[in-house]
Amino acid sequence: MEFAAGAIGGVCGVAVGYPLDTVKVRIQTEPRYTGIWHCIRDTYHRERVWGFYRGLSLPVCTVSLVSSVSFGTYRHCLAHVCRFRYGSADAKPAKTDITLSGFASGLVRVFLTSPTEVAKVRLQTQTQTQTQQRRPSASGPSAAPPTCPAPAVGRAPGPKYRGPLHCLASVAREEGLRGLYKGSSALLFRDGHSFATYFLSYAVLCEQLTPAGRSRPDVLGVLVAGGCAGVLAWAVATPMDVIKSRLQADGQGQRRYRGLLHCVVTSVREEGPRVLFKGLSLNCCRAFPVNMVVFVTYEAVLRLMQGLLS
């Protein structure tokens, strides 16, 4: 039941938050953007509404599996911990138990999400990367004024990746299997402690928001707890999310980073410590409505299935 409820909740969350995720990735990987609204205006001006949904099809297809595994791993890990420590899977877990189960959930999902994250980031950033690669070309239209009509030598080439599957195949062919797991070290650091924070804060807030005499919070309580849990999780995840995005975008053209530590040092040296918090406000703004939807859908489906099976 937990796997099915998590799958449905995850799909609903992606539908709500993907446009802001595109903006977040572009802000983190492209220094020329001065802020959220600058990125939104520029993306809309260059690519219209479609620009905000680049790479969406793959997350929609895979998020049900990933979210299912995340919630299912958390609930099953928590049940096993409670059975081991207290003798019953239905015993009330301690905060340490919830934290460890959330951490395990974050680690497990990395092996599923890394290839799709690589494809998503490459598709979300490929337009601006091509622009940067074309800029120094001496054959461009600004090199010299034409004296007579000439063929369209400076015409911009089409996108390198035609879609998510083509992107995955291209990365695997050009960079090998390691290319599909580029940035996975940063992803491990991001998802491990962020999912521990995610599930712990949700459990604590639900407990605080549960009315006296009841075992569960009402719908409003779930919405508030889910939204706040998402904000807190992204608050601790953003530094590694920036590094993850940069490592995964690296590879389109000349490579800049040799690994996680080199990416951190280079980014901080060139742009200051604030670079590690690029997209933090956007992450938090996106996280609240997305995780409100995820948790209220998850809890509703879980209760529905429990009612049908009882």
Protein backbone atom coordinates (compact mmCIF):
# COMPACT_ATOMS: atom_id res chain seq x y z
CA MET A 1 0.00 0.00 0.00
CA GLU A 2 2.79 2.40 0.93
CA PHE A 3 4.44 1.88 -2.47
CA ALA A 4 1.24 2.64 -4.40
CA ALA A 5 0.37 5.68 -2.28
CA GLY A 6 3.89 7.05 -2.66
CA ALA A 7 3.78 6.57 -6.45
CA ILE A 8 0.53 8.53 -6.85
CA GLY A 9 1.67 11.28 -4.49
CA GLY A 10 4.96 11.67 -6.36
CA VAL A 11 3.30 12.09 -9.76
CA CYS A 12 1.01 14.80 -8.37
CA GLY A 13 4.02 16.59 -6.87
CA VAL A 14 5.95 16.63 -10.15
CA ALA A 15 2.97 18.08 -12.01
CA VAL A 16 2.87 20.99 -9.55
CA GLY A 17 6.56 21.81 -9.22
CA TYR A 18 8.36 21.09 -12.51
CA PRO A 19 8.38 24.62 -14.04
CA LEU A 20 10.05 26.04 -10.94
CA ASP A 21 12.50 23.13 -10.93
CA THR A 22 13.63 24.15 -14.43
CA VAL A 23 14.18 27.72 -13.23
CA LYS A 24 16.08 26.43 -10.19
CA VAL A 25 18.44 24.29 -12.28
CA ARG A 26 19.19 27.15 -14.70
CA ILE A 27 19.93 29.57 -11.86
CA GLN A 28 22.30 27.06 -10.26
CA THR A 29 24.20 26.19 -13.43
CA GLU A 30 24.24 29.52 -15.30
CA PRO A 31 25.98 32.49 -13.57
CA ARG A 32 24.51 35.06 -15.98
CA TYR A 33 21.10 34.97 -14.29
CA THR A 34 20.83 37.67 -11.61
CA GLY A 35 17.74 36.24 -9.94
CA ILE A 36 14.57 34.20 -10.20
CA TRP A 37 12.54 36.72 -12.22
CA HIS A 38 15.43 37.36 -14.60
CA CYS A 39 15.59 33.62 -15.34
CA ILE A 40 11.81 33.34 -15.73
CA ARG A 41 11.62 36.31 -18.10
CA ASP A 42 14.60 35.15 -20.15
CA THR A 43 13.31 31.57 -20.43
CA TYR A 44 9.86 32.73 -21.49
CA HIS A 45 11.29 35.26 -23.97
CA ARG A 46 13.56 32.69 -25.63
CA GLU A 47 11.52 29.49 -25.39
CA ARG A 48 8.00 30.46 -24.32
CA VAL A 49 6.05 28.19 -21.97
CA TRP A 50 7.60 25.00 -23.39
CA GLY A 51 10.99 26.08 -22.02
CA PHE A 52 9.77 25.50 -18.46
CA TYR A 53 8.84 21.90 -19.25
CA ARG A 54 12.04 20.69 -20.91
CA GLY A 55 12.79 17.11 -19.90
CA LEU A 56 9.41 16.64 -18.18
CA SER A 57 8.42 13.36 -19.83
CA LEU A 58 11.17 11.30 -18.18
CA PRO A 59 10.48 12.46 -14.59
CA VAL A 60 6.75 11.86 -15.09
CA CYS A 61 7.46 8.32 -16.28
CA THR A 62 9.95 7.53 -13.53
CA VAL A 63 8.74 9.54 -10.54
CA SER A 64 6.04 7.03 -9.70
CA LEU A 65 8.72 4.34 -9.32
CA VAL A 66 11.11 6.62 -7.43
CA SER A 67 8.47 8.03 -5.08
CA SER A 68 7.06 4.56 -4.53
CA VAL A 69 10.49 3.26 -3.55
CA SER A 70 11.15 6.30 -1.30
CA PHE A 71 7.95 6.03 0.72
CA GLY A 72 7.90 2.23 0.64
CA THR A 73 11.52 1.95 1.82
CA TYR A 74 10.87 4.45 4.60
CA ARG A 75 7.78 2.66 5.92
CA HIS A 76 9.26 -0.83 5.66
CA CYS A 77 12.59 0.21 7.17
CA LEU A 78 10.73 1.91 10.03
CA ALA A 79 8.61 -1.21 10.61
CA HIS A 80 11.73 -3.42 10.75
CA VAL A 81 13.49 -1.02 13.14
CA CYS A 82 10.46 -0.94 15.45
CA ARG A 83 10.15 -4.73 15.34
CA PHE A 84 13.83 -5.10 16.16
CA ARG A 85 13.88 -2.52 18.98
CA TYR A 86 10.40 -2.81 20.50
CA GLY A 87 9.17 -6.22 19.40
CA SER A 88 6.31 -4.88 17.26
CA ALA A 89 6.15 -3.11 13.90
CA ASP A 90 3.20 -1.06 15.20
CA ALA A 91 5.12 0.38 18.16
CA LYS A 92 5.55 4.15 18.28
CA PRO A 93 8.96 4.92 16.74
CA ALA A 94 11.50 7.22 18.36
CA LYS A 95 12.81 10.25 16.46
CA THR A 96 16.09 8.39 15.92
CA ASP A 97 14.21 5.53 14.23
CA ILE A 98 12.43 7.95 11.89
CA THR A 99 15.69 9.73 11.06
CA LEU A 100 17.53 6.49 10.22
CA SER A 101 14.63 5.22 8.09
CA GLY A 102 14.44 8.52 6.22
CA PHE A 103 18.19 8.46 5.64
CA ALA A 104 17.95 4.92 4.22
CA SER A 105 15.13 6.03 1.93
CA GLY A 106 17.27 8.85 0.56
CA LEU A 107 20.23 6.56 -0.12
CA VAL A 108 18.15 3.95 -1.94
CA ARG A 109 16.53 6.44 -4.30
CA VAL A 110 19.92 7.73 -5.54
CA PHE A 111 20.52 4.57 -7.58
CA LEU A 112 17.22 5.10 -9.40
CA THR A 113 17.25 8.88 -9.79
CA SER A 114 20.83 9.58 -10.89
CA PRO A 115 20.39 8.73 -14.63
CA THR A 116 17.06 10.57 -14.83
CA GLU A 117 18.56 13.58 -13.01
CA VAL A 118 21.42 13.69 -15.52
CA ALA A 119 18.97 13.66 -18.44
CA LYS A 120 16.71 16.24 -16.80
CA VAL A 121 19.55 18.67 -16.05
CA ARG A 122 21.09 18.27 -19.54
CA LEU A 123 17.73 18.94 -21.22
CA GLN A 124 16.95 21.88 -18.94
CA THR A 125 20.30 23.54 -19.59
CA GLN A 126 21.14 22.58 -23.19
CA THR A 127 19.76 25.80 -24.76
CA GLN A 128 21.99 28.13 -22.78
CA THR A 129 24.97 25.77 -23.12
CA GLN A 130 24.69 25.89 -26.92
CA THR A 131 24.50 29.66 -26.79
CA GLN A 132 27.72 29.79 -24.76
CA GLN A 133 29.48 27.40 -27.12
CA ARG A 134 28.48 29.42 -30.20
CA ARG A 135 29.44 32.77 -28.71
CA PRO A 136 33.21 32.71 -29.45
CA SER A 137 32.75 31.42 -33.01
CA ALA A 138 34.46 33.59 -35.62
CA SER A 139 32.02 32.44 -38.25
CA GLY A 140 29.06 33.96 -36.44
CA PRO A 141 27.07 36.83 -37.93
CA SER A 142 28.83 39.42 -35.77
CA ALA A 143 32.37 38.54 -36.97
CA ALA A 144 32.19 40.87 -39.99
CA PRO A 145 29.42 42.69 -41.82
CA PRO A 146 28.37 40.75 -44.94
CA THR A 147 29.01 42.49 -48.23
CA CYS A 148 26.56 40.37 -50.18
CA PRO A 149 23.85 37.85 -49.47
CA ALA A 150 25.42 34.66 -48.18
CA PRO A 151 24.14 31.28 -47.15
CA ALA A 152 23.00 30.85 -43.56
CA VAL A 153 26.43 29.93 -42.21
CA GLY A 154 25.67 31.32 -38.74
CA ARG A 155 22.39 29.49 -38.34
CA ALA A 156 22.14 28.03 -34.86
CA PRO A 157 22.38 24.25 -34.77
CA GLY A 158 19.49 22.27 -33.39
CA PRO A 159 19.44 20.96 -29.83
CA LYS A 160 21.99 18.26 -29.08
CA TYR A 161 19.41 16.12 -27.29
CA ARG A 162 16.06 15.45 -28.95
CA GLY A 163 14.42 14.09 -25.83
CA PRO A 164 15.01 12.20 -22.57
CA LEU A 165 15.68 8.77 -24.12
CA HIS A 166 17.96 10.25 -26.79
CA CYS A 167 19.78 12.16 -24.05
CA LEU A 168 20.31 9.00 -21.96
CA ALA A 169 21.53 7.06 -25.01
CA SER A 170 23.88 9.90 -26.05
CA VAL A 171 25.38 10.25 -22.57
CA ALA A 172 25.89 6.47 -22.28
CA ARG A 173 27.53 6.35 -25.73
CA GLU A 174 29.77 9.40 -25.24
CA GLU A 175 30.61 9.17 -21.54
CA GLY A 176 29.93 5.54 -20.66
CA LEU A 177 27.95 4.21 -17.73
CA ARG A 178 29.79 6.61 -15.41
CA GLY A 179 28.23 9.50 -17.32
CA LEU A 180 24.75 8.35 -16.28
CA TYR A 181 25.83 8.45 -12.64
CA LYS A 182 27.65 11.75 -12.85
CA GLY A 183 27.06 13.77 -9.70
CA SER A 184 25.82 10.73 -7.79
CA SER A 185 28.26 11.44 -4.93
CA ALA A 186 26.66 14.87 -4.44
CA LEU A 187 23.24 13.23 -4.86
CA LEU A 188 24.07 10.81 -2.02
CA PHE A 189 25.01 13.69 0.27
CA ARG A 190 21.91 15.63 -0.79
CA ASP A 191 19.28 12.92 -0.47
CA GLY A 192 20.59 11.12 2.61
CA HIS A 193 20.29 13.92 5.14
CA SER A 194 17.51 15.77 3.32
CA PHE A 195 15.17 12.76 3.44
CA ALA A 196 16.08 12.17 7.08
CA THR A 197 15.01 15.79 7.71
CA TYR A 198 11.96 15.37 5.46
CA PHE A 199 10.38 12.41 7.24
CA LEU A 200 11.45 13.49 10.74
CA SER A 201 10.00 16.99 10.41
CA TYR A 202 6.78 15.62 8.89
CA ALA A 203 6.34 13.15 11.78
CA VAL A 204 7.05 15.80 14.43
CA LEU A 205 4.72 18.37 12.84
CA CYS A 206 1.93 15.82 12.40
CA GLU A 207 2.23 14.95 16.07
CA GLN A 208 2.02 18.61 17.05
CA LEU A 209 -0.92 19.29 14.74
CA THR A 210 -3.00 16.25 15.74
CA PRO A 211 -6.09 17.34 17.73
CA ALA A 212 -6.51 15.95 21.25
CA GLY A 213 -8.23 12.57 21.28
CA ARG A 214 -7.31 11.72 17.67
CA SER A 215 -4.53 9.58 16.27
CA ARG A 216 -3.98 11.56 13.04
CA PRO A 217 -4.06 15.21 11.97
CA ASP A 218 -6.87 16.50 9.76
CA VAL A 219 -6.38 17.47 6.11
CA LEU A 220 -5.22 20.99 6.99
CA GLY A 221 -2.67 19.55 9.41
CA VAL A 222 -1.32 17.19 6.73
CA LEU A 223 -1.07 20.06 4.24
CA VAL A 224 0.86 22.27 6.67
CA ALA A 225 3.12 19.44 7.90
CA GLY A 226 3.88 18.26 4.36
CA GLY A 227 4.63 21.75 3.08
CA CYS A 228 6.90 22.62 6.02
CA ALA A 229 8.70 19.26 5.80
CA GLY A 230 9.47 19.93 2.14
CA VAL A 231 10.82 23.41 2.91
CA LEU A 232 13.07 22.14 5.71
CA ALA A 233 14.35 19.27 3.57
CA TRP A 234 15.30 21.57 0.70
CA ALA A 235 16.89 24.06 3.10
CA VAL A 236 19.48 21.42 4.07
CA ALA A 237 19.68 19.91 0.56
CA THR A 238 20.35 23.06 -1.50
CA PRO A 239 24.20 23.26 -1.17
CA MET A 240 24.67 19.73 -2.48
CA ASP A 241 21.88 20.27 -5.02
CA VAL A 242 23.88 23.13 -6.55
CA ILE A 243 26.99 20.95 -6.80
CA LYS A 244 24.96 18.03 -8.17
CA SER A 245 23.43 20.18 -10.91
CA ARG A 246 26.81 21.59 -11.93
CA LEU A 247 28.46 18.17 -12.08
CA GLN A 248 25.60 16.73 -14.14
CA ALA A 249 25.47 19.69 -16.55
CA ASP A 250 29.25 19.45 -16.97
CA GLY A 251 30.03 17.37 -20.02
CA GLN A 252 28.27 19.45 -22.66
CA GLY A 253 31.35 20.85 -24.32
CA GLN A 254 34.58 21.30 -22.34
CA ARG A 255 34.54 19.71 -18.88
CA ARG A 256 35.23 22.07 -15.97
CA TYR A 257 35.06 19.88 -12.87
CA ARG A 258 37.17 16.86 -11.93
CA GLY A 259 34.88 15.74 -9.13
CA LEU A 260 32.73 16.78 -6.18
CA LEU A 261 35.44 18.47 -4.10
CA HIS A 262 36.92 20.26 -7.12
CA CYS A 263 33.45 21.52 -8.07
CA VAL A 264 32.85 22.86 -4.54
CA VAL A 265 36.24 24.58 -4.35
CA THR A 266 36.03 26.04 -7.88
CA SER A 267 32.46 27.29 -7.45
CA VAL A 268 33.17 28.94 -4.08
CA ARG A 269 36.43 30.48 -5.32
CA GLU A 270 34.83 31.96 -8.45
CA GLU A 271 31.44 33.03 -7.06
CA GLY A 272 31.83 33.12 -3.29
CA PRO A 273 30.15 30.99 -0.57
CA ARG A 274 26.73 32.30 -1.59
CA VAL A 275 26.88 30.13 -4.69
CA LEU A 276 26.07 27.09 -2.51
CA PHE A 277 22.70 28.63 -1.72
CA LYS A 278 21.72 29.54 -5.26
CA GLY A 279 18.10 28.65 -5.76
CA LEU A 280 17.41 28.29 -2.01
CA SER A 281 14.45 30.68 -1.98
CA LEU A 282 13.07 29.11 -5.14
CA ASN A 283 13.53 25.60 -3.72
CA CYS A 284 11.62 26.56 -0.59
CA CYS A 285 8.83 28.32 -2.53
CA ARG A 286 8.48 25.27 -4.77
CA ALA A 287 8.77 22.75 -1.95
CA PHE A 288 5.80 23.98 0.07
CA PRO A 289 2.99 23.47 -2.49
CA VAL A 290 4.64 20.39 -4.03
CA ASN A 291 4.95 18.53 -0.73
CA MET A 292 1.54 19.67 0.45
CA VAL A 293 0.17 17.83 -2.59
CA VAL A 294 2.50 14.83 -2.16
CA PHE A 295 1.63 14.14 1.46
CA VAL A 296 -2.09 14.86 1.30
CA THR A 297 -2.34 12.56 -1.74
CA TYR A 298 -0.17 9.92 -0.05
CA GLU A 299 -2.26 9.94 3.14
CA ALA A 300 -5.56 9.95 1.22
CA VAL A 301 -4.57 7.00 -1.00
CA LEU A 302 -3.18 5.11 2.00
CA ARG A 303 -6.44 5.53 3.94
CA LEU A 304 -8.51 4.60 0.89
CA MET A 305 -6.55 1.41 0.33
CA GLN A 306 -6.66 0.50 4.01
CA GLY A 307 -10.43 0.97 3.95
CA LEU A 308 -10.80 -1.21 0.85
CA LEU A 309 -8.62 -3.98 2.27
CA SER A 310 -10.10 -3.98 5.76
